[in-house]
Amino acid sequence: MQYTVDQRGYYGEFGGAFIPEMLYPNVAELRNLYIDLIYDESFQKEFQALLKDYVGRPSPLFLAKRLSKHYNTNIFLKREDLNHTGAHKINNTIGQILVAKRLGKKRIIAETGAGQHGVATATVCALMGIECIVYMGAIDIERQAPNVSRMRMLGAKVVPANSGSKTLKDATNEAIRDWINNPEDTHYIIGSVVGPHPYPDMVARFQSVISEEMKWQLKEQTGSENPSMIIACVGGGSNAAGAFYHYMENKEVRLVAVEAAGMGIHSGESAATSVLGTKGIIHGSRTLLMQTEDGQIIEPYSLSAGLDYPGIGPLHAHLIDTGRAEAVSITDDEALKAAYFLSKQEGIIPALESAHAFAALDKIKYSSEDIIVINLSGRGDKDLATYIKHFENYG
């Protein structure tokens, strides 16, 4: 079974490039050049130097002793929250801004939900002196105000998406419209392993630095480069793709993809795509999608702005569809409890997205001998207003 993308841009039956004719030249240019570009010696030299000296990689692999004792197993945290800008998103935006430069693009657009990808994009645009426009759902602009302020301070123009549910899906729609209107000078930095081929594969390759580091860090600390299990939250799924990447072919390593169940999987207020989704096309690729019988998108819901996406990246759709990855659904309530628990156990306040991954520890089976790696994809600064609002119930 092949888990990486094939020559046609598919993961099994998921993926492809379903795009308007106006965008075909842009996507074709990327598809034809991205592999040669990103593995060029000068590109890799610049990319690796920026990851080390600007982002602060490698991110630590931390043995969470109190958490391990509580769950009677061995839990390591891959500390992506310690990257510059506070999340894994910067790995991808560094890579894509270097691609855009080499393609001669003068303008960058992006979509963002939780705001971390928007901040990471605004950061690299400031670093390289390139114009930056970030589309963000109007509701997300309200609930992620600190990140909006950060983007603006970095020089980005933040444009609200006021259609639909006014969240990530709608921000993506607006970004695609912009790209259609400005195809020649604009590069669209997609923030997750979604969108038309080659984006899911390109983003996964940039994020694969996570599992690349994980292998030698585990070897150093445990004597083996293979954990028993890797747990990561999944909206579109870029942090999970990065954490899973070098282990996808190794069936001995369990891969656990954690989705947002919102108010409950079948409550009508959920984003549990692997359970509720059927095969369909969204934002340029064929994947699992929450939709009605006649193909209308069902609005997702999660307290976490980064997980309320009605689809899932085609790589993850394939991993789940083939049984290679296990999908776990976590409610708002369970994620909030996990966030407060981790904060008090280890002195680490996680992003609300990452908290979903920690909550999965109460839902899955493991042994006291297992080595579990949880990808701590982002820090909780951006979610403090939400956490404070629920302090009386969970604090």
Protein backbone atom coordinates (compact mmCIF):
# COMPACT_ATOMS: atom_id res chain seq x y z
CA MET A 1 0.00 0.00 0.00
CA GLN A 2 1.36 3.42 -0.99
CA TYR A 3 0.61 6.28 1.40
CA THR A 4 2.51 9.07 -0.35
CA VAL A 5 1.08 10.86 -3.39
CA ASP A 6 1.19 9.14 -6.79
CA GLN A 7 2.17 10.58 -10.17
CA ARG A 8 -1.39 11.78 -10.82
CA GLY A 9 -1.58 13.70 -7.54
CA TYR A 10 -3.75 11.14 -5.74
CA TYR A 11 -3.59 9.31 -2.42
CA GLY A 12 -5.53 6.20 -3.35
CA GLU A 13 -8.83 7.64 -4.58
CA PHE A 14 -8.37 11.01 -2.86
CA GLY A 15 -6.61 14.13 -4.12
CA GLY A 16 -6.27 15.47 -7.66
CA ALA A 17 -6.62 19.05 -8.88
CA PHE A 18 -10.16 20.28 -9.55
CA ILE A 19 -9.56 23.93 -10.38
CA PRO A 20 -10.98 26.80 -12.46
CA GLU A 21 -9.35 27.18 -15.88
CA MET A 22 -7.89 30.56 -14.85
CA LEU A 23 -5.77 28.87 -12.19
CA TYR A 24 -4.51 26.00 -14.32
CA PRO A 25 -1.24 27.73 -15.36
CA ASN A 26 -0.36 28.52 -11.71
CA VAL A 27 -1.08 25.03 -10.43
CA ALA A 28 0.60 23.38 -13.44
CA GLU A 29 3.71 25.54 -12.92
CA LEU A 30 3.88 24.47 -9.26
CA ARG A 31 3.21 20.82 -10.08
CA ASN A 32 5.96 20.73 -12.71
CA LEU A 33 8.58 22.55 -10.64
CA TYR A 34 8.01 21.98 -6.92
CA ILE A 35 10.05 18.79 -6.48
CA ASP A 36 13.06 20.10 -8.39
CA LEU A 37 12.77 23.45 -6.62
CA ILE A 38 12.57 22.26 -3.03
CA TYR A 39 15.30 19.63 -3.36
CA ASP A 40 17.68 21.98 -5.15
CA GLU A 41 20.88 22.34 -3.11
CA SER A 42 20.67 26.15 -2.78
CA PHE A 43 16.98 25.96 -1.75
CA GLN A 44 17.69 23.34 0.93
CA LYS A 45 20.66 25.32 2.23
CA GLU A 46 18.50 28.46 2.66
CA PHE A 47 15.51 26.50 4.01
CA GLN A 48 17.54 24.58 6.61
CA ALA A 49 19.40 27.72 7.72
CA LEU A 50 16.10 29.58 8.29
CA LEU A 51 14.59 26.61 10.17
CA LYS A 52 17.62 26.58 12.46
CA ASP A 53 18.42 30.27 12.93
CA TYR A 54 15.00 31.92 12.47
CA VAL A 55 12.42 29.32 13.51
CA GLY A 56 14.58 27.81 16.27
CA ARG A 57 14.57 24.17 15.16
CA PRO A 58 14.96 21.43 16.13
CA SER A 59 11.96 21.70 18.43
CA PRO A 60 12.48 19.68 21.63
CA LEU A 61 11.06 16.22 22.27
CA PHE A 62 10.04 16.41 25.91
CA LEU A 63 9.31 13.46 28.23
CA ALA A 64 6.22 14.61 30.15
CA LYS A 65 6.87 12.77 33.43
CA ARG A 66 3.81 13.82 35.42
CA LEU A 67 1.49 13.18 32.47
CA SER A 68 3.20 9.81 31.91
CA LYS A 69 2.72 8.87 35.55
CA HIS A 70 -0.96 9.82 35.47
CA TYR A 71 -1.65 7.70 32.38
CA ASN A 72 0.81 4.95 33.38
CA THR A 73 2.71 5.02 30.09
CA ASN A 74 5.55 6.99 28.43
CA ILE A 75 4.40 10.24 26.86
CA PHE A 76 6.70 12.50 24.85
CA LEU A 77 5.65 15.91 23.54
CA LYS A 78 7.00 17.20 20.24
CA ARG A 79 7.21 20.88 21.13
CA GLU A 80 6.11 22.68 17.96
CA ASP A 81 4.65 25.32 20.29
CA LEU A 82 8.22 26.52 20.87
CA ASN A 83 8.79 27.50 17.23
CA HIS A 84 8.97 31.18 16.29
CA THR A 85 5.31 32.37 15.96
CA GLY A 86 4.16 29.61 18.33
CA ALA A 87 3.13 26.74 16.08
CA HIS A 88 4.14 24.29 13.36
CA LYS A 89 2.78 26.56 10.61
CA ILE A 90 6.07 28.44 10.17
CA ASN A 91 7.77 25.28 8.76
CA ASN A 92 5.50 25.42 5.72
CA THR A 93 5.43 29.19 5.22
CA ILE A 94 9.25 29.38 5.22
CA GLY A 95 9.29 26.71 2.51
CA GLN A 96 6.54 28.28 0.42
CA ILE A 97 7.92 31.83 0.56
CA LEU A 98 11.18 30.46 -0.84
CA VAL A 99 9.20 28.73 -3.62
CA ALA A 100 7.32 31.97 -4.36
CA LYS A 101 10.58 33.92 -4.57
CA ARG A 102 12.04 31.44 -7.03
CA LEU A 103 8.86 31.66 -9.14
CA GLY A 104 9.18 35.47 -9.22
CA LYS A 105 5.90 36.16 -7.36
CA LYS A 106 5.48 39.64 -5.89
CA ARG A 107 2.32 39.16 -3.82
CA ILE A 108 1.29 36.53 -1.26
CA ILE A 109 -2.24 35.55 -0.22
CA ALA A 110 -3.24 33.10 2.51
CA GLU A 111 -6.25 31.83 4.43
CA THR A 112 -6.32 31.29 8.17
CA GLY A 113 -8.68 29.90 10.81
CA ALA A 114 -7.00 29.97 14.20
CA GLY A 115 -4.72 32.70 12.89
CA GLN A 116 -1.47 30.77 13.34
CA HIS A 117 -1.00 30.22 9.60
CA GLY A 118 -1.88 33.87 8.98
CA VAL A 119 0.74 34.97 11.50
CA ALA A 120 3.33 32.59 10.03
CA THR A 121 2.61 33.88 6.51
CA ALA A 122 2.73 37.54 7.60
CA THR A 123 6.01 36.76 9.38
CA VAL A 124 7.80 35.32 6.34
CA CYS A 125 6.42 38.07 4.08
CA ALA A 126 7.86 40.67 6.45
CA LEU A 127 11.14 38.74 6.48
CA MET A 128 11.30 38.76 2.67
CA GLY A 129 9.68 42.17 2.05
CA ILE A 130 6.72 40.81 0.06
CA GLU A 131 3.12 42.11 0.11
CA CYS A 132 0.80 39.93 2.21
CA ILE A 133 -3.02 39.61 2.24
CA VAL A 134 -4.62 37.19 4.70
CA TYR A 135 -8.28 36.11 4.43
CA MET A 136 -9.95 35.19 7.71
CA GLY A 137 -13.54 34.40 8.64
CA ALA A 138 -15.28 37.28 10.40
CA ILE A 139 -16.13 35.03 13.36
CA ASP A 140 -12.51 33.85 13.63
CA ILE A 141 -11.33 37.48 13.55
CA GLU A 142 -13.38 38.03 16.72
CA ARG A 143 -12.32 34.88 18.58
CA GLN A 144 -8.64 35.06 17.57
CA ALA A 145 -8.09 38.81 18.13
CA PRO A 146 -4.47 38.52 19.39
CA ASN A 147 -3.39 36.81 16.16
CA VAL A 148 -5.20 39.43 14.05
CA SER A 149 -3.23 42.12 15.86
CA ARG A 150 0.01 40.23 15.28
CA MET A 151 -0.68 39.93 11.54
CA ARG A 152 -1.41 43.63 11.24
CA MET A 153 1.70 44.56 13.22
CA LEU A 154 3.73 42.42 10.80
CA GLY A 155 2.36 44.47 7.90
CA ALA A 156 -0.27 42.09 6.54
CA LYS A 157 -3.70 43.20 5.36
CA VAL A 158 -6.37 41.06 7.09
CA VAL A 159 -9.53 40.74 4.99
CA PRO A 160 -12.70 39.39 6.68
CA ALA A 161 -14.74 36.65 4.97
CA ASN A 162 -18.40 37.47 5.63
CA SER A 163 -20.06 34.66 3.67
CA GLY A 164 -21.31 31.26 4.87
CA SER A 165 -20.25 30.36 8.39
CA LYS A 166 -17.64 33.16 8.34
CA THR A 167 -14.89 30.70 9.31
CA LEU A 168 -12.01 28.81 7.67
CA LYS A 169 -13.93 27.35 4.73
CA ASP A 170 -15.13 30.80 3.72
CA ALA A 171 -11.70 32.38 4.15
CA THR A 172 -10.35 29.71 1.77
CA ASN A 173 -13.08 30.51 -0.76
CA GLU A 174 -12.15 34.21 -0.67
CA ALA A 175 -8.44 33.46 -1.09
CA ILE A 176 -9.16 31.29 -4.14
CA ARG A 177 -11.28 34.10 -5.66
CA ASP A 178 -8.38 36.51 -5.15
CA TRP A 179 -5.98 34.07 -6.82
CA ILE A 180 -8.30 33.72 -9.83
CA ASN A 181 -8.29 37.52 -10.21
CA ASN A 182 -4.51 37.86 -9.76
CA PRO A 183 -2.98 34.72 -11.24
CA GLU A 184 0.24 36.15 -12.66
CA ASP A 185 1.95 37.94 -9.76
CA THR A 186 0.39 36.09 -6.79
CA HIS A 187 1.34 32.93 -4.92
CA TYR A 188 -1.25 31.36 -2.63
CA ILE A 189 0.38 29.92 0.50
CA ILE A 190 -2.12 27.25 1.54
CA GLY A 191 -1.73 26.53 5.24
CA SER A 192 -2.64 22.85 5.38
CA VAL A 193 -2.45 19.59 3.43
CA VAL A 194 -5.57 20.57 1.47
CA GLY A 195 -6.23 22.12 -1.93
CA PRO A 196 -5.30 20.96 -5.43
CA HIS A 197 -2.22 18.86 -6.11
CA PRO A 198 0.65 19.60 -5.51
CA TYR A 199 -0.29 21.54 -2.35
CA PRO A 200 -1.09 18.59 -0.04
CA ASP A 201 2.19 16.90 -0.93
CA MET A 202 4.28 20.08 -0.88
CA VAL A 203 2.96 21.14 2.54
CA ALA A 204 3.49 17.60 3.92
CA ARG A 205 7.09 17.62 2.68
CA PHE A 206 7.80 20.96 4.40
CA GLN A 207 6.16 19.74 7.62
CA SER A 208 7.95 16.37 7.49
CA VAL A 209 10.82 18.01 9.39
CA ILE A 210 8.72 17.19 12.49
CA SER A 211 8.94 13.39 12.11
CA GLU A 212 12.47 13.64 10.70
CA GLU A 213 13.60 15.19 13.99
CA MET A 214 11.38 12.88 16.01
CA LYS A 215 13.27 9.82 14.72
CA TRP A 216 16.72 10.86 15.91
CA GLN A 217 15.37 12.44 19.09
CA LEU A 218 13.59 9.21 20.07
CA LYS A 219 16.70 7.19 19.22
CA GLU A 220 18.72 9.47 21.47
CA GLN A 221 16.27 9.25 24.40
CA THR A 222 14.86 5.72 24.16
CA GLY A 223 17.31 3.74 22.00
CA SER A 224 14.74 3.29 19.24
CA GLU A 225 13.64 5.74 16.56
CA ASN A 226 10.14 4.23 16.47
CA PRO A 227 7.41 5.19 18.96
CA SER A 228 4.48 2.88 19.64
CA MET A 229 2.02 5.60 18.67
CA ILE A 230 1.86 9.17 17.34
CA ILE A 231 -1.15 11.33 18.22
CA ALA A 232 -1.93 14.59 16.40
CA CYS A 233 -4.97 16.79 15.90
CA VAL A 234 -6.43 17.06 12.40
CA GLY A 235 -8.43 19.87 10.80
CA GLY A 236 -6.94 19.98 7.34
CA GLY A 237 -4.07 18.09 8.91
CA SER A 238 -0.65 19.65 8.27
CA ASN A 239 0.79 19.10 11.75
CA ALA A 240 -0.41 15.49 11.67
CA ALA A 241 1.02 14.99 8.17
CA GLY A 242 4.38 16.24 9.41
CA ALA A 243 4.31 14.03 12.51
CA PHE A 244 3.19 10.93 10.57
CA TYR A 245 5.29 11.45 7.42
CA HIS A 246 8.37 9.31 8.11
CA TYR A 247 6.33 6.61 9.81
CA MET A 248 3.50 6.08 7.30
CA GLU A 249 5.07 2.95 5.80
CA ASN A 250 5.95 1.50 9.23
CA LYS A 251 2.86 -0.43 10.30
CA GLU A 252 4.30 -1.04 13.78
CA VAL A 253 3.74 2.64 14.61
CA ARG A 254 0.09 3.48 15.33
CA LEU A 255 -1.08 6.77 13.83
CA VAL A 256 -3.94 8.50 15.65
CA ALA A 257 -5.71 11.41 13.94
CA VAL A 258 -7.84 13.46 16.35
CA GLU A 259 -10.77 15.49 15.05
CA ALA A 260 -13.12 18.00 16.64
CA ALA A 261 -16.53 16.61 17.61
CA GLY A 262 -17.71 20.02 18.79
CA MET A 263 -20.90 19.60 20.83
CA GLY A 264 -20.97 15.88 19.97
CA ILE A 265 -20.44 13.86 16.79
CA HIS A 266 -24.13 13.66 15.88
CA SER A 267 -25.23 16.91 17.53
CA GLY A 268 -25.32 18.88 14.29
CA GLU A 269 -22.55 21.04 15.80
CA SER A 270 -19.45 19.05 14.88
CA ALA A 271 -16.41 18.85 12.61
CA ALA A 272 -15.79 15.09 12.80
CA THR A 273 -15.24 14.64 9.07
CA SER A 274 -13.98 11.04 9.16
CA VAL A 275 -17.28 9.94 10.78
CA LEU A 276 -19.73 12.33 9.13
CA GLY A 277 -18.00 12.89 5.78
CA THR A 278 -18.59 11.29 2.40
CA LYS A 279 -16.45 11.47 -0.74
CA GLY A 280 -16.66 14.83 -2.47
CA ILE A 281 -14.69 17.78 -3.80
CA ILE A 282 -13.73 20.84 -1.79
CA HIS A 283 -11.15 23.54 -2.50
CA GLY A 284 -9.64 21.69 -5.43
CA SER A 285 -9.29 18.11 -4.22
CA ARG A 286 -11.38 14.97 -3.80
CA THR A 287 -11.56 14.00 -0.16
CA LEU A 288 -13.92 13.23 2.71
CA LEU A 289 -16.35 16.08 3.15
CA MET A 290 -19.30 16.93 5.38
CA GLN A 291 -22.10 17.44 2.85
CA THR A 292 -25.79 16.90 2.24
CA GLU A 293 -27.09 14.21 -0.15
CA ASP A 294 -27.18 16.76 -2.96
CA GLY A 295 -23.61 17.90 -2.32
CA GLN A 296 -24.14 21.08 -0.30
CA ILE A 297 -21.47 21.63 2.37
CA ILE A 298 -22.66 21.14 5.95
CA GLU A 299 -21.28 23.93 8.12
CA PRO A 300 -18.80 22.51 10.64
CA TYR A 301 -18.52 23.61 14.25
CA SER A 302 -15.75 23.50 16.84
CA LEU A 303 -14.77 25.79 19.69
CA SER A 304 -11.32 25.53 18.12
CA ALA A 305 -10.97 27.90 15.15
CA GLY A 306 -8.33 25.73 13.50
CA LEU A 307 -10.39 22.52 13.45
CA ASP A 308 -13.80 23.68 12.18
CA TYR A 309 -13.19 22.69 8.57
CA PRO A 310 -15.81 20.57 6.75
CA GLY A 311 -13.21 18.44 4.97
CA ILE A 312 -9.92 16.73 5.71
CA GLY A 313 -6.68 16.61 3.72
CA PRO A 314 -6.69 13.85 1.04
CA LEU A 315 -3.63 12.22 2.65
CA HIS A 316 -5.56 11.78 5.90
CA ALA A 317 -8.70 10.66 4.07
CA HIS A 318 -6.55 7.91 2.51
CA LEU A 319 -4.83 6.96 5.79
CA ILE A 320 -8.19 6.67 7.56
CA ASP A 321 -10.00 5.02 4.64
CA THR A 322 -7.33 2.29 4.41
CA GLY A 323 -7.20 1.79 8.18
CA ARG A 324 -3.59 2.98 8.42
CA ALA A 325 -4.63 5.77 10.79
CA GLU A 326 -7.19 5.62 13.58
CA ALA A 327 -9.62 8.53 13.85
CA VAL A 328 -10.71 9.76 17.27
CA SER A 329 -13.35 12.48 17.79
CA ILE A 330 -13.07 14.85 20.77
CA THR A 331 -15.73 17.30 22.00
CA ASP A 332 -15.19 20.91 23.06
CA ASP A 333 -15.72 19.83 26.66
CA GLU A 334 -13.11 17.06 26.48
CA ALA A 335 -10.57 19.37 24.81
CA LEU A 336 -11.03 22.08 27.44
CA LYS A 337 -10.55 19.55 30.26
CA ALA A 338 -7.38 18.27 28.59
CA ALA A 339 -6.02 21.80 28.14
CA TYR A 340 -6.46 22.65 31.81
CA PHE A 341 -5.05 19.28 32.88
CA LEU A 342 -1.89 19.61 30.76
CA SER A 343 -1.37 23.18 31.98
CA LYS A 344 -1.42 22.10 35.61
CA GLN A 345 0.49 18.85 35.11
CA GLU A 346 3.36 20.08 32.96
CA GLY A 347 3.30 23.88 33.00
CA ILE A 348 2.44 24.01 29.29
CA ILE A 349 -0.69 25.80 28.03
CA PRO A 350 -1.55 24.19 24.67
CA ALA A 351 -3.41 25.62 21.71
CA LEU A 352 -7.05 24.49 21.79
CA GLU A 353 -6.37 22.49 18.61
CA SER A 354 -3.51 20.59 20.30
CA ALA A 355 -5.64 20.01 23.41
CA HIS A 356 -7.84 17.72 21.32
CA ALA A 357 -4.84 15.42 20.79
CA PHE A 358 -4.22 15.19 24.55
CA ALA A 359 -7.88 14.35 25.20
CA ALA A 360 -7.49 11.28 22.99
CA LEU A 361 -5.45 9.64 25.78
CA ASP A 362 -8.77 8.97 27.53
CA LYS A 363 -10.25 7.30 24.44
CA ILE A 364 -7.58 4.89 23.18
CA LYS A 365 -5.90 1.73 24.48
CA TYR A 366 -2.17 1.48 25.19
CA SER A 367 0.16 -0.28 27.59
CA SER A 368 2.56 0.87 30.29
CA GLU A 369 5.47 -0.10 28.02
CA ASP A 370 4.32 2.02 25.07
CA ILE A 371 6.12 5.12 23.88
CA ILE A 372 3.55 7.71 22.82
CA VAL A 373 4.45 10.92 21.00
CA ILE A 374 1.87 13.72 21.01
CA ASN A 375 2.48 16.48 18.52
CA LEU A 376 1.98 19.68 20.53
CA SER A 377 1.25 21.73 17.43
CA GLY A 378 0.82 25.17 19.00
CA ARG A 379 0.84 27.22 22.17
CA GLY A 380 -2.27 28.48 23.92
CA ASP A 381 -1.65 32.25 24.01
CA LYS A 382 -4.14 32.82 21.19
CA ASP A 383 -6.85 30.87 23.08
CA LEU A 384 -6.54 32.52 26.49
CA ALA A 385 -9.77 34.50 26.03
CA THR A 386 -11.61 31.21 25.39
CA TYR A 387 -9.90 29.47 28.31
CA ILE A 388 -10.65 32.34 30.67
CA LYS A 389 -14.31 32.28 29.63
CA HIS A 390 -14.51 28.63 30.78
CA PHE A 391 -12.30 28.99 33.86
CA GLU A 392 -15.10 28.53 36.40
CA ASN A 393 -16.04 25.16 34.90
CA TYR A 394 -12.55 23.73 34.36
CA GLY A 395 -10.07 25.80 36.39
